Amino acid sequence: MGYDDHFSLEDDGGLVRYSDEDDSEAEKDKAPPAGYQTKVWKPAKGTVGLLTYDVVKALSAYTGCTFSIDSHRNEVRLHGGDVSDAVSKLSVMEAILVSSWYV
């Protein structure tokens, strides 16, 4: 609003009317589903580089999670699916992957 503009409750010019109708299908697709979770996993030893494509693919298929690997931060973001199960499996697998990585 500019200096000379005035706002009045009686004048609704430019305002969008509220509607309590359900969102359109396109808007529903943009919102994350209920219970959508995101967790971050950081390796205790080594780097996220120890996660091979096959390991990530298998974990994704098993848990239903999407993996976003950020090598600069040395972390993996897990989205959707059973993220708690994926994080616990990553923690268990890390010891095996680290030992084979440095052999």
N, C-alpha and C. Protein backbone atom coordinates (compact mmCIF):
# COMPACT_ATOMS: atom_id res chain seq x y z
N MET A 1 0.83 -1.17 0.00
CA MET A 1 0.00 0.00 0.00
C MET A 1 0.88 1.23 0.00
N GLY A 2 0.49 2.18 -0.80
CA GLY A 2 1.23 3.42 -0.86
C GLY A 2 0.81 4.38 0.25
N TYR A 3 1.44 5.53 0.29
CA TYR A 3 1.18 6.51 1.33
C TYR A 3 -0.26 7.03 1.28
N ASP A 4 -0.77 7.25 0.06
CA ASP A 4 -2.12 7.81 -0.09
C ASP A 4 -3.20 6.74 -0.18
N ASP A 5 -2.83 5.48 -0.15
CA ASP A 5 -3.82 4.41 -0.22
C ASP A 5 -4.50 4.24 1.12
N HIS A 6 -5.76 3.89 1.07
CA HIS A 6 -6.52 3.67 2.28
C HIS A 6 -7.15 2.30 2.22
N PHE A 7 -7.25 1.66 3.34
CA PHE A 7 -7.85 0.34 3.40
C PHE A 7 -9.15 0.45 4.19
N SER A 8 -10.19 -0.13 3.64
CA SER A 8 -11.47 -0.11 4.31
C SER A 8 -12.04 -1.52 4.30
N LEU A 9 -12.67 -1.92 5.38
CA LEU A 9 -13.30 -3.24 5.43
C LEU A 9 -14.49 -3.32 4.48
N GLU A 10 -15.07 -2.17 4.12
CA GLU A 10 -16.21 -2.16 3.22
C GLU A 10 -15.78 -2.30 1.77
N ASP A 11 -14.56 -1.98 1.46
CA ASP A 11 -14.04 -2.05 0.10
C ASP A 11 -13.10 -3.24 0.00
N ASP A 12 -13.53 -4.30 -0.69
CA ASP A 12 -12.70 -5.50 -0.77
C ASP A 12 -11.97 -5.62 -2.11
N GLY A 13 -11.76 -4.51 -2.77
CA GLY A 13 -11.08 -4.53 -4.06
C GLY A 13 -9.70 -5.14 -3.95
N GLY A 14 -9.42 -6.15 -4.78
CA GLY A 14 -8.11 -6.78 -4.81
C GLY A 14 -7.95 -7.91 -3.82
N LEU A 15 -8.94 -8.15 -2.97
CA LEU A 15 -8.84 -9.24 -2.01
C LEU A 15 -9.45 -10.50 -2.60
N VAL A 16 -8.89 -11.62 -2.23
CA VAL A 16 -9.41 -12.90 -2.69
C VAL A 16 -10.36 -13.42 -1.64
N ARG A 17 -11.53 -13.81 -2.08
CA ARG A 17 -12.52 -14.33 -1.15
C ARG A 17 -12.11 -15.69 -0.60
N TYR A 18 -12.36 -15.90 0.67
CA TYR A 18 -12.06 -17.19 1.31
C TYR A 18 -13.08 -18.22 0.86
N SER A 19 -12.59 -19.40 0.61
CA SER A 19 -13.47 -20.51 0.24
C SER A 19 -13.12 -21.70 1.12
N ASP A 20 -14.13 -22.30 1.71
CA ASP A 20 -13.87 -23.47 2.55
C ASP A 20 -14.02 -24.77 1.76
N GLU A 21 -14.09 -24.66 0.45
CA GLU A 21 -14.16 -25.85 -0.40
C GLU A 21 -12.82 -26.57 -0.38
N ASP A 22 -12.85 -27.85 -0.70
CA ASP A 22 -11.62 -28.63 -0.75
C ASP A 22 -10.67 -28.05 -1.78
N ASP A 23 -9.36 -28.26 -1.53
CA ASP A 23 -8.35 -27.83 -2.48
C ASP A 23 -8.50 -28.57 -3.79
N SER A 24 -8.02 -27.96 -4.85
CA SER A 24 -8.07 -28.62 -6.14
C SER A 24 -7.12 -29.81 -6.14
N GLU A 25 -7.26 -30.69 -7.10
CA GLU A 25 -6.40 -31.88 -7.19
C GLU A 25 -4.93 -31.49 -7.36
N ALA A 26 -4.65 -30.45 -8.13
CA ALA A 26 -3.26 -30.02 -8.35
C ALA A 26 -2.63 -29.55 -7.05
N GLU A 27 -3.40 -28.85 -6.21
CA GLU A 27 -2.86 -28.37 -4.95
C GLU A 27 -2.65 -29.52 -3.97
N LYS A 28 -3.50 -30.52 -4.02
CA LYS A 28 -3.35 -31.68 -3.14
C LYS A 28 -2.07 -32.44 -3.45
N ASP A 29 -1.70 -32.53 -4.74
CA ASP A 29 -0.51 -33.25 -5.14
C ASP A 29 0.76 -32.58 -4.64
N LYS A 30 0.73 -31.26 -4.45
CA LYS A 30 1.92 -30.53 -4.01
C LYS A 30 2.20 -30.73 -2.53
N ALA A 31 1.17 -30.95 -1.74
CA ALA A 31 1.35 -31.07 -0.30
C ALA A 31 1.88 -32.46 0.04
N PRO A 32 2.81 -32.53 0.99
CA PRO A 32 3.31 -33.84 1.39
C PRO A 32 2.20 -34.63 2.08
N PRO A 33 2.18 -35.93 1.94
CA PRO A 33 1.14 -36.73 2.57
C PRO A 33 1.26 -36.69 4.09
N ALA A 34 0.16 -36.98 4.75
CA ALA A 34 0.16 -37.00 6.21
C ALA A 34 1.17 -38.03 6.71
N GLY A 35 1.89 -37.68 7.74
CA GLY A 35 2.89 -38.59 8.28
C GLY A 35 4.20 -38.57 7.51
N TYR A 36 4.35 -37.65 6.59
CA TYR A 36 5.57 -37.54 5.80
C TYR A 36 6.71 -37.14 6.72
N GLN A 37 7.80 -37.89 6.67
CA GLN A 37 8.92 -37.64 7.56
C GLN A 37 10.20 -37.41 6.79
N THR A 38 11.08 -36.67 7.39
CA THR A 38 12.43 -36.50 6.86
C THR A 38 13.40 -36.67 8.02
N LYS A 39 14.42 -37.46 7.82
CA LYS A 39 15.48 -37.62 8.82
C LYS A 39 16.82 -37.47 8.14
N VAL A 40 17.80 -37.11 8.93
CA VAL A 40 19.16 -36.96 8.42
C VAL A 40 20.03 -38.02 9.09
N TRP A 41 20.81 -38.70 8.28
CA TRP A 41 21.76 -39.69 8.79
C TRP A 41 23.16 -39.24 8.43
N LYS A 42 24.05 -39.25 9.42
CA LYS A 42 25.47 -38.93 9.20
C LYS A 42 26.28 -40.13 9.65
N PRO A 43 27.21 -40.56 8.83
CA PRO A 43 28.04 -41.70 9.23
C PRO A 43 28.92 -41.36 10.43
N ALA A 44 29.02 -42.31 11.35
CA ALA A 44 29.88 -42.11 12.53
C ALA A 44 31.34 -42.18 12.14
N LYS A 45 31.64 -43.02 11.15
CA LYS A 45 33.01 -43.18 10.65
C LYS A 45 32.97 -43.05 9.13
N GLY A 46 34.02 -42.56 8.57
CA GLY A 46 34.07 -42.49 7.12
C GLY A 46 33.20 -41.39 6.55
N THR A 47 32.87 -41.54 5.28
CA THR A 47 32.07 -40.54 4.58
C THR A 47 30.86 -41.21 3.93
N VAL A 48 29.94 -40.40 3.45
CA VAL A 48 28.76 -40.93 2.77
C VAL A 48 29.15 -41.59 1.45
N GLY A 49 30.38 -41.39 1.02
CA GLY A 49 30.86 -42.01 -0.21
C GLY A 49 30.91 -43.53 -0.12
N LEU A 50 30.84 -44.06 1.09
CA LEU A 50 30.84 -45.51 1.23
C LEU A 50 29.51 -46.14 0.80
N LEU A 51 28.48 -45.33 0.66
CA LEU A 51 27.19 -45.84 0.20
C LEU A 51 27.21 -45.98 -1.32
N THR A 52 27.22 -47.20 -1.78
CA THR A 52 27.23 -47.44 -3.22
C THR A 52 25.81 -47.31 -3.76
N TYR A 53 25.71 -47.21 -5.06
CA TYR A 53 24.41 -47.12 -5.73
C TYR A 53 23.56 -48.34 -5.39
N ASP A 54 24.16 -49.52 -5.39
CA ASP A 54 23.41 -50.75 -5.11
C ASP A 54 22.86 -50.77 -3.68
N VAL A 55 23.63 -50.28 -2.73
CA VAL A 55 23.18 -50.24 -1.33
C VAL A 55 21.99 -49.29 -1.20
N VAL A 56 22.11 -48.10 -1.77
CA VAL A 56 21.03 -47.12 -1.71
C VAL A 56 19.79 -47.63 -2.42
N LYS A 57 19.96 -48.26 -3.57
CA LYS A 57 18.83 -48.79 -4.34
C LYS A 57 18.11 -49.88 -3.54
N ALA A 58 18.86 -50.77 -2.91
CA ALA A 58 18.26 -51.86 -2.12
C ALA A 58 17.53 -51.30 -0.89
N LEU A 59 18.14 -50.37 -0.19
CA LEU A 59 17.50 -49.78 0.98
C LEU A 59 16.25 -49.00 0.59
N SER A 60 16.32 -48.31 -0.52
CA SER A 60 15.16 -47.56 -1.00
C SER A 60 14.01 -48.50 -1.34
N ALA A 61 14.31 -49.60 -2.00
CA ALA A 61 13.27 -50.57 -2.36
C ALA A 61 12.68 -51.23 -1.12
N TYR A 62 13.51 -51.51 -0.14
CA TYR A 62 13.07 -52.20 1.07
C TYR A 62 12.26 -51.29 2.00
N THR A 63 12.68 -50.03 2.16
CA THR A 63 12.05 -49.12 3.13
C THR A 63 11.08 -48.14 2.49
N GLY A 64 11.17 -47.96 1.17
CA GLY A 64 10.30 -47.00 0.51
C GLY A 64 10.77 -45.56 0.64
N CYS A 65 11.99 -45.36 1.10
CA CYS A 65 12.54 -44.02 1.30
C CYS A 65 13.24 -43.50 0.05
N THR A 66 13.28 -42.20 -0.04
CA THR A 66 14.07 -41.52 -1.05
C THR A 66 15.32 -41.00 -0.36
N PHE A 67 16.47 -41.23 -0.96
CA PHE A 67 17.74 -40.82 -0.38
C PHE A 67 18.29 -39.62 -1.13
N SER A 68 18.69 -38.59 -0.39
CA SER A 68 19.36 -37.43 -0.96
C SER A 68 20.73 -37.34 -0.29
N ILE A 69 21.76 -37.62 -1.04
CA ILE A 69 23.11 -37.65 -0.48
C ILE A 69 23.79 -36.32 -0.71
N ASP A 70 24.27 -35.72 0.36
CA ASP A 70 24.99 -34.46 0.30
C ASP A 70 26.42 -34.71 0.78
N SER A 71 27.33 -34.89 -0.16
CA SER A 71 28.71 -35.23 0.21
C SER A 71 29.44 -34.05 0.85
N HIS A 72 29.03 -32.83 0.55
CA HIS A 72 29.68 -31.66 1.15
C HIS A 72 29.39 -31.58 2.65
N ARG A 73 28.21 -31.94 3.04
CA ARG A 73 27.84 -31.94 4.47
C ARG A 73 28.06 -33.30 5.11
N ASN A 74 28.41 -34.29 4.31
CA ASN A 74 28.61 -35.65 4.78
C ASN A 74 27.36 -36.18 5.49
N GLU A 75 26.21 -36.03 4.79
CA GLU A 75 24.96 -36.49 5.37
C GLU A 75 24.03 -37.01 4.28
N VAL A 76 23.07 -37.80 4.73
CA VAL A 76 22.06 -38.35 3.83
C VAL A 76 20.70 -37.96 4.39
N ARG A 77 19.87 -37.35 3.56
CA ARG A 77 18.50 -37.02 3.96
C ARG A 77 17.60 -38.12 3.43
N LEU A 78 16.73 -38.61 4.31
CA LEU A 78 15.79 -39.66 3.95
C LEU A 78 14.39 -39.08 4.01
N HIS A 79 13.63 -39.30 2.95
CA HIS A 79 12.29 -38.74 2.83
C HIS A 79 11.28 -39.87 2.61
N GLY A 80 10.12 -39.74 3.22
CA GLY A 80 9.03 -40.67 2.99
C GLY A 80 9.37 -42.08 3.42
N GLY A 81 8.44 -42.99 3.24
CA GLY A 81 8.69 -44.38 3.59
C GLY A 81 8.92 -44.56 5.08
N ASP A 82 9.57 -45.64 5.43
CA ASP A 82 9.89 -45.94 6.83
C ASP A 82 11.29 -45.43 7.14
N VAL A 83 11.39 -44.14 7.43
CA VAL A 83 12.70 -43.51 7.62
C VAL A 83 13.42 -44.04 8.86
N SER A 84 12.68 -44.38 9.89
CA SER A 84 13.31 -44.91 11.11
C SER A 84 14.00 -46.23 10.82
N ASP A 85 13.34 -47.09 10.05
CA ASP A 85 13.93 -48.37 9.68
C ASP A 85 15.16 -48.15 8.79
N ALA A 86 15.06 -47.21 7.86
CA ALA A 86 16.19 -46.93 6.96
C ALA A 86 17.40 -46.41 7.74
N VAL A 87 17.17 -45.52 8.70
CA VAL A 87 18.27 -44.98 9.50
C VAL A 87 18.92 -46.08 10.33
N SER A 88 18.10 -46.95 10.93
CA SER A 88 18.69 -48.03 11.73
C SER A 88 19.48 -49.00 10.86
N LYS A 89 18.97 -49.29 9.66
CA LYS A 89 19.70 -50.18 8.75
C LYS A 89 21.00 -49.54 8.27
N LEU A 90 20.98 -48.25 8.01
CA LEU A 90 22.20 -47.54 7.61
C LEU A 90 23.24 -47.60 8.73
N SER A 91 22.82 -47.42 9.95
CA SER A 91 23.75 -47.46 11.09
C SER A 91 24.38 -48.83 11.25
N VAL A 92 23.58 -49.89 11.07
CA VAL A 92 24.10 -51.25 11.17
C VAL A 92 25.03 -51.57 10.01
N MET A 93 24.62 -51.16 8.81
CA MET A 93 25.41 -51.45 7.61
C MET A 93 26.71 -50.66 7.56
N GLU A 94 26.74 -49.51 8.24
CA GLU A 94 27.93 -48.66 8.18
C GLU A 94 29.17 -49.41 8.64
N ALA A 95 29.06 -50.16 9.73
CA ALA A 95 30.23 -50.89 10.24
C ALA A 95 30.76 -51.88 9.20
N ILE A 96 29.85 -52.54 8.51
CA ILE A 96 30.25 -53.50 7.47
C ILE A 96 30.88 -52.77 6.28
N LEU A 97 30.24 -51.69 5.87
CA LEU A 97 30.73 -50.94 4.70
C LEU A 97 32.08 -50.28 4.98
N VAL A 98 32.26 -49.75 6.19
CA VAL A 98 33.53 -49.11 6.55
C VAL A 98 34.65 -50.14 6.57
N SER A 99 34.37 -51.32 7.14
CA SER A 99 35.43 -52.35 7.21
C SER A 99 35.83 -52.83 5.82
N SER A 100 34.88 -52.93 4.90
CA SER A 100 35.22 -53.36 3.54
C SER A 100 35.83 -52.23 2.72
N TRP A 101 35.51 -50.99 3.09
CA TRP A 101 36.03 -49.80 2.38
C TRP A 101 37.52 -49.65 2.60
N TYR A 102 37.99 -49.93 3.83
CA TYR A 102 39.38 -49.70 4.19
C TYR A 102 40.23 -50.97 4.12
N VAL A 103 39.74 -52.04 3.53
CA VAL A 103 40.52 -53.27 3.43
C VAL A 103 41.49 -53.19 2.29
